[in-house]
Amino acid sequence: MSGLVAIDPGRSKCGLALCDGAGQELLAAGVLPALACLEWIQAWSAEQRCHTVLLGDGTGSAPWRQRLAPLPLTLTLVPEAGTTLAARRRYWQLEPPQGWRRLLPEGLRLPPRDIDDVVAQLLLERHLQRPLQRDHCQWLSAAAAAP
């Protein structure tokens, strides 16, 4: 059973997340340049690891609709409203603050890295209406090429 992919589209970088077919576990995630995201999606599609792409409807979604059109995938636009703040909260749930960051009020905590991958995960979770496990997630990086 193939899974779902979510993209938090951006101009220079994008959040990418892949979940299993049962919609229980996040299999891969990362913050990558647009071309690298497309390469991963093409590879997953060729391997039949995904059948549907959830695309955030915010800034940068129009070029992604064109990029994804030739692929044999179902494209679903999903609302991105409020995902940045929600992803910040979700990040701290996934990675509890350590050291001095624990002392800051939640509203003042800024994640120490880009969290576009968490936004993509939130798009998946909102679509599935449940949280995803991240125990065995493969972390994608711009340096690692798609399989």
C-alpha atoms as a PDB file:
ATOM      1  CA  MET A   1       0.000   0.000   0.000  1.00  0.00           C
ATOM      2  CA  SER A   2       1.562   3.301  -1.054  1.00  0.00           C
ATOM      3  CA  GLY A   3       1.633   6.398   1.094  1.00  0.00           C
ATOM      4  CA  LEU A   4       1.023  10.105   0.945  1.00  0.00           C
ATOM      5  CA  VAL A   5       3.483  12.927   0.323  1.00  0.00           C
ATOM      6  CA  ALA A   6       3.017  16.473   1.594  1.00  0.00           C
ATOM      7  CA  ILE A   7       4.833  19.561   0.349  1.00  0.00           C
ATOM      8  CA  ASP A   8       5.107  22.915   2.060  1.00  0.00           C
ATOM      9  CA  PRO A   9       5.987  24.842  -1.105  1.00  0.00           C
ATOM     10  CA  GLY A  10       8.408  27.722  -1.060  1.00  0.00           C
ATOM     11  CA  ARG A  11      10.444  29.654  -3.573  1.00  0.00           C
ATOM     12  CA  SER A  12      13.911  28.619  -2.438  1.00  0.00           C
ATOM     13  CA  LYS A  13      13.211  25.707  -0.082  1.00  0.00           C
ATOM     14  CA  CYS A  14      10.339  23.342   0.593  1.00  0.00           C
ATOM     15  CA  GLY A  15       9.219  21.062   3.364  1.00  0.00           C
ATOM     16  CA  LEU A  16       8.708  17.457   2.264  1.00  0.00           C
ATOM     17  CA  ALA A  17       7.170  14.564   4.190  1.00  0.00           C
ATOM     18  CA  LEU A  18       6.232  10.986   3.253  1.00  0.00           C
ATOM     19  CA  CYS A  19       3.967   8.796   5.375  1.00  0.00           C
ATOM     20  CA  ASP A  20       3.164   5.114   5.102  1.00  0.00           C
ATOM     21  CA  GLY A  21       0.067   3.771   3.367  1.00  0.00           C
ATOM     22  CA  ALA A  22      -1.710   3.164   6.662  1.00  0.00           C
ATOM     23  CA  GLY A  23      -1.244   6.815   7.603  1.00  0.00           C
ATOM     24  CA  GLN A  24       0.397   5.895  10.894  1.00  0.00           C
ATOM     25  CA  GLU A  25       4.084   6.748  10.542  1.00  0.00           C
ATOM     26  CA  LEU A  26       6.249   9.400   8.963  1.00  0.00           C
ATOM     27  CA  LEU A  27       8.768   7.573   6.755  1.00  0.00           C
ATOM     28  CA  ALA A  28      10.848  10.482   5.447  1.00  0.00           C
ATOM     29  CA  ALA A  29      11.021  14.249   5.910  1.00  0.00           C
ATOM     30  CA  GLY A  30      13.297  17.158   5.169  1.00  0.00           C
ATOM     31  CA  VAL A  31      13.768  20.779   4.190  1.00  0.00           C
ATOM     32  CA  LEU A  32      15.148  20.765   0.668  1.00  0.00           C
ATOM     33  CA  PRO A  33      15.601  22.902  -2.435  1.00  0.00           C
ATOM     34  CA  ALA A  34      12.651  22.597  -4.820  1.00  0.00           C
ATOM     35  CA  LEU A  35      14.559  20.509  -7.382  1.00  0.00           C
ATOM     36  CA  ALA A  36      15.619  17.987  -4.716  1.00  0.00           C
ATOM     37  CA  CYS A  37      11.993  17.689  -3.528  1.00  0.00           C
ATOM     38  CA  LEU A  38      10.855  16.980  -7.047  1.00  0.00           C
ATOM     39  CA  GLU A  39      13.556  14.313  -7.470  1.00  0.00           C
ATOM     40  CA  TRP A  40      12.462  12.558  -4.259  1.00  0.00           C
ATOM     41  CA  ILE A  41       8.805  12.641  -5.320  1.00  0.00           C
ATOM     42  CA  GLN A  42       9.669  11.258  -8.758  1.00  0.00           C
ATOM     43  CA  ALA A  43      11.701   8.445  -7.165  1.00  0.00           C
ATOM     44  CA  TRP A  44       8.949   7.589  -4.678  1.00  0.00           C
ATOM     45  CA  SER A  45       6.373   7.633  -7.458  1.00  0.00           C
ATOM     46  CA  ALA A  46       8.496   5.301  -9.616  1.00  0.00           C
ATOM     47  CA  GLU A  47       8.890   2.946  -6.628  1.00  0.00           C
ATOM     48  CA  GLN A  48       5.124   3.186  -5.980  1.00  0.00           C
ATOM     49  CA  ARG A  49       5.786   4.445  -2.465  1.00  0.00           C
ATOM     50  CA  CYS A  50       3.228   7.222  -2.896  1.00  0.00           C
ATOM     51  CA  HIS A  51       0.014   7.784  -4.810  1.00  0.00           C
ATOM     52  CA  THR A  52      -1.119  11.218  -3.636  1.00  0.00           C
ATOM     53  CA  VAL A  53       0.611  14.546  -3.079  1.00  0.00           C
ATOM     54  CA  LEU A  54      -0.862  17.013  -0.603  1.00  0.00           C
ATOM     55  CA  LEU A  55       0.269  20.457  -1.672  1.00  0.00           C
ATOM     56  CA  GLY A  56      -0.024  23.469   0.597  1.00  0.00           C
ATOM     57  CA  ASP A  57      -2.104  26.113  -1.169  1.00  0.00           C
ATOM     58  CA  GLY A  58       0.048  29.066  -0.089  1.00  0.00           C
ATOM     59  CA  THR A  59       2.932  30.907  -1.684  1.00  0.00           C
ATOM     60  CA  GLY A  60       4.702  28.864  -4.315  1.00  0.00           C
ATOM     61  CA  SER A  61       1.945  26.319  -4.982  1.00  0.00           C
ATOM     62  CA  ALA A  62       1.261  27.359  -8.606  1.00  0.00           C
ATOM     63  CA  PRO A  63       4.697  26.297  -9.961  1.00  0.00           C
ATOM     64  CA  TRP A  64       4.390  23.029  -8.034  1.00  0.00           C
ATOM     65  CA  ARG A  65       1.089  22.197  -9.723  1.00  0.00           C
ATOM     66  CA  GLN A  66       2.903  22.474 -13.068  1.00  0.00           C
ATOM     67  CA  ARG A  67       5.903  20.423 -11.867  1.00  0.00           C
ATOM     68  CA  LEU A  68       3.705  17.622 -10.559  1.00  0.00           C
ATOM     69  CA  ALA A  69       1.212  17.519 -13.452  1.00  0.00           C
ATOM     70  CA  PRO A  70       3.201  15.012 -15.594  1.00  0.00           C
ATOM     71  CA  LEU A  71       3.555  12.534 -12.712  1.00  0.00           C
ATOM     72  CA  PRO A  72       1.024   9.705 -12.225  1.00  0.00           C
ATOM     73  CA  LEU A  73      -0.025  11.071  -8.846  1.00  0.00           C
ATOM     74  CA  THR A  74      -3.220  12.520  -7.450  1.00  0.00           C
ATOM     75  CA  LEU A  75      -2.676  16.144  -6.457  1.00  0.00           C
ATOM     76  CA  THR A  76      -4.725  17.585  -3.600  1.00  0.00           C
ATOM     77  CA  LEU A  77      -4.460  21.226  -2.541  1.00  0.00           C
ATOM     78  CA  VAL A  78      -4.753  21.668   1.216  1.00  0.00           C
ATOM     79  CA  PRO A  79      -5.122  24.872   3.227  1.00  0.00           C
ATOM     80  CA  GLU A  80      -1.908  26.185   4.752  1.00  0.00           C
ATOM     81  CA  ALA A  81      -3.515  28.840   6.928  1.00  0.00           C
ATOM     82  CA  GLY A  82      -1.990  28.927  10.398  1.00  0.00           C
ATOM     83  CA  THR A  83       0.577  26.202   9.734  1.00  0.00           C
ATOM     84  CA  THR A  84       3.659  28.252  10.623  1.00  0.00           C
ATOM     85  CA  LEU A  85       2.602  28.865  14.223  1.00  0.00           C
ATOM     86  CA  ALA A  86       1.127  25.372  14.534  1.00  0.00           C
ATOM     87  CA  ALA A  87       4.398  23.885  13.247  1.00  0.00           C
ATOM     88  CA  ARG A  88       6.361  25.843  15.828  1.00  0.00           C
ATOM     89  CA  ARG A  89       4.213  24.335  18.595  1.00  0.00           C
ATOM     90  CA  ARG A  90       4.432  20.855  17.023  1.00  0.00           C
ATOM     91  CA  TYR A  91       8.219  21.142  16.728  1.00  0.00           C
ATOM     92  CA  TRP A  92       8.545  21.628  20.489  1.00  0.00           C
ATOM     93  CA  GLN A  93       6.240  18.648  21.091  1.00  0.00           C
ATOM     94  CA  LEU A  94       8.475  16.505  18.888  1.00  0.00           C
ATOM     95  CA  GLU A  95      11.733  17.992  20.208  1.00  0.00           C
ATOM     96  CA  PRO A  96      11.151  19.130  23.807  1.00  0.00           C
ATOM     97  CA  PRO A  97      13.228  22.185  24.702  1.00  0.00           C
ATOM     98  CA  GLN A  98      16.484  21.563  26.533  1.00  0.00           C
ATOM     99  CA  GLY A  99      18.649  23.778  28.702  1.00  0.00           C
ATOM    100  CA  TRP A 100      17.766  27.452  28.842  1.00  0.00           C
ATOM    101  CA  ARG A 101      15.040  27.091  26.181  1.00  0.00           C
ATOM    102  CA  ARG A 102      12.870  25.304  28.778  1.00  0.00           C
ATOM    103  CA  LEU A 103      12.746  28.556  30.751  1.00  0.00           C
ATOM    104  CA  LEU A 104      11.292  30.596  27.894  1.00  0.00           C
ATOM    105  CA  PRO A 105       7.522  30.916  27.547  1.00  0.00           C
ATOM    106  CA  GLU A 106       6.301  28.797  24.611  1.00  0.00           C
ATOM    107  CA  GLY A 107       5.383  31.856  22.553  1.00  0.00           C
ATOM    108  CA  LEU A 108       8.968  33.154  22.693  1.00  0.00           C
ATOM    109  CA  ARG A 109      10.663  29.894  21.702  1.00  0.00           C
ATOM    110  CA  LEU A 110      11.978  29.821  18.158  1.00  0.00           C
ATOM    111  CA  PRO A 111      13.093  26.474  16.730  1.00  0.00           C
ATOM    112  CA  PRO A 112      16.840  26.367  16.049  1.00  0.00           C
ATOM    113  CA  ARG A 113      16.322  25.239  12.434  1.00  0.00           C
ATOM    114  CA  ASP A 114      13.939  25.642   9.497  1.00  0.00           C
ATOM    115  CA  ILE A 115      10.727  23.750  10.218  1.00  0.00           C
ATOM    116  CA  ASP A 116       9.210  23.446   6.750  1.00  0.00           C
ATOM    117  CA  ASP A 117       9.302  19.647   7.183  1.00  0.00           C
ATOM    118  CA  VAL A 118       7.128  19.984  10.287  1.00  0.00           C
ATOM    119  CA  VAL A 119       4.683  22.091   8.256  1.00  0.00           C
ATOM    120  CA  ALA A 120       4.555  19.280   5.662  1.00  0.00           C
ATOM    121  CA  GLN A 121       3.984  16.782   8.480  1.00  0.00           C
ATOM    122  CA  LEU A 122       1.138  18.956   9.792  1.00  0.00           C
ATOM    123  CA  LEU A 123      -0.458  18.983   6.337  1.00  0.00           C
ATOM    124  CA  LEU A 124      -0.413  15.170   6.422  1.00  0.00           C
ATOM    125  CA  GLU A 125      -1.753  15.041   9.979  1.00  0.00           C
ATOM    126  CA  ARG A 126      -4.571  17.473   9.224  1.00  0.00           C
ATOM    127  CA  HIS A 127      -5.530  15.473   6.143  1.00  0.00           C
ATOM    128  CA  LEU A 128      -5.427  12.172   8.049  1.00  0.00           C
ATOM    129  CA  GLN A 129      -6.954  13.750  11.172  1.00  0.00           C
ATOM    130  CA  ARG A 130      -4.392  12.103  13.457  1.00  0.00           C
ATOM    131  CA  PRO A 131      -0.768  12.568  14.540  1.00  0.00           C
ATOM    132  CA  LEU A 132       1.991  10.570  12.870  1.00  0.00           C
ATOM    133  CA  GLN A 133       4.755   8.667  14.610  1.00  0.00           C
ATOM    134  CA  ARG A 134       8.325   9.731  13.717  1.00  0.00           C
ATOM    135  CA  ASP A 135      10.281   6.890  15.318  1.00  0.00           C
ATOM    136  CA  HIS A 136      11.828   5.508  12.116  1.00  0.00           C
ATOM    137  CA  CYS A 137      11.829   8.620   9.959  1.00  0.00           C
ATOM    138  CA  GLN A 138      14.546   9.032   7.323  1.00  0.00           C
ATOM    139  CA  TRP A 139      15.868  12.592   7.439  1.00  0.00           C
ATOM    140  CA  LEU A 140      16.391  13.943   3.940  1.00  0.00           C
ATOM    141  CA  SER A 141      19.065  16.527   3.298  1.00  0.00           C
ATOM    142  CA  ALA A 142      20.021  18.655   0.333  1.00  0.00           C
ATOM    143  CA  ALA A 143      23.355  16.793   0.207  1.00  0.00           C
ATOM    144  CA  ALA A 144      21.687  13.383  -0.097  1.00  0.00           C
ATOM    145  CA  ALA A 145      20.420  12.663  -3.587  1.00  0.00           C
ATOM    146  CA  ALA A 146      17.138  10.880  -4.226  1.00  0.00           C
ATOM    147  CA  PRO A 147      17.492   7.118  -4.676  1.00  0.00           C
END
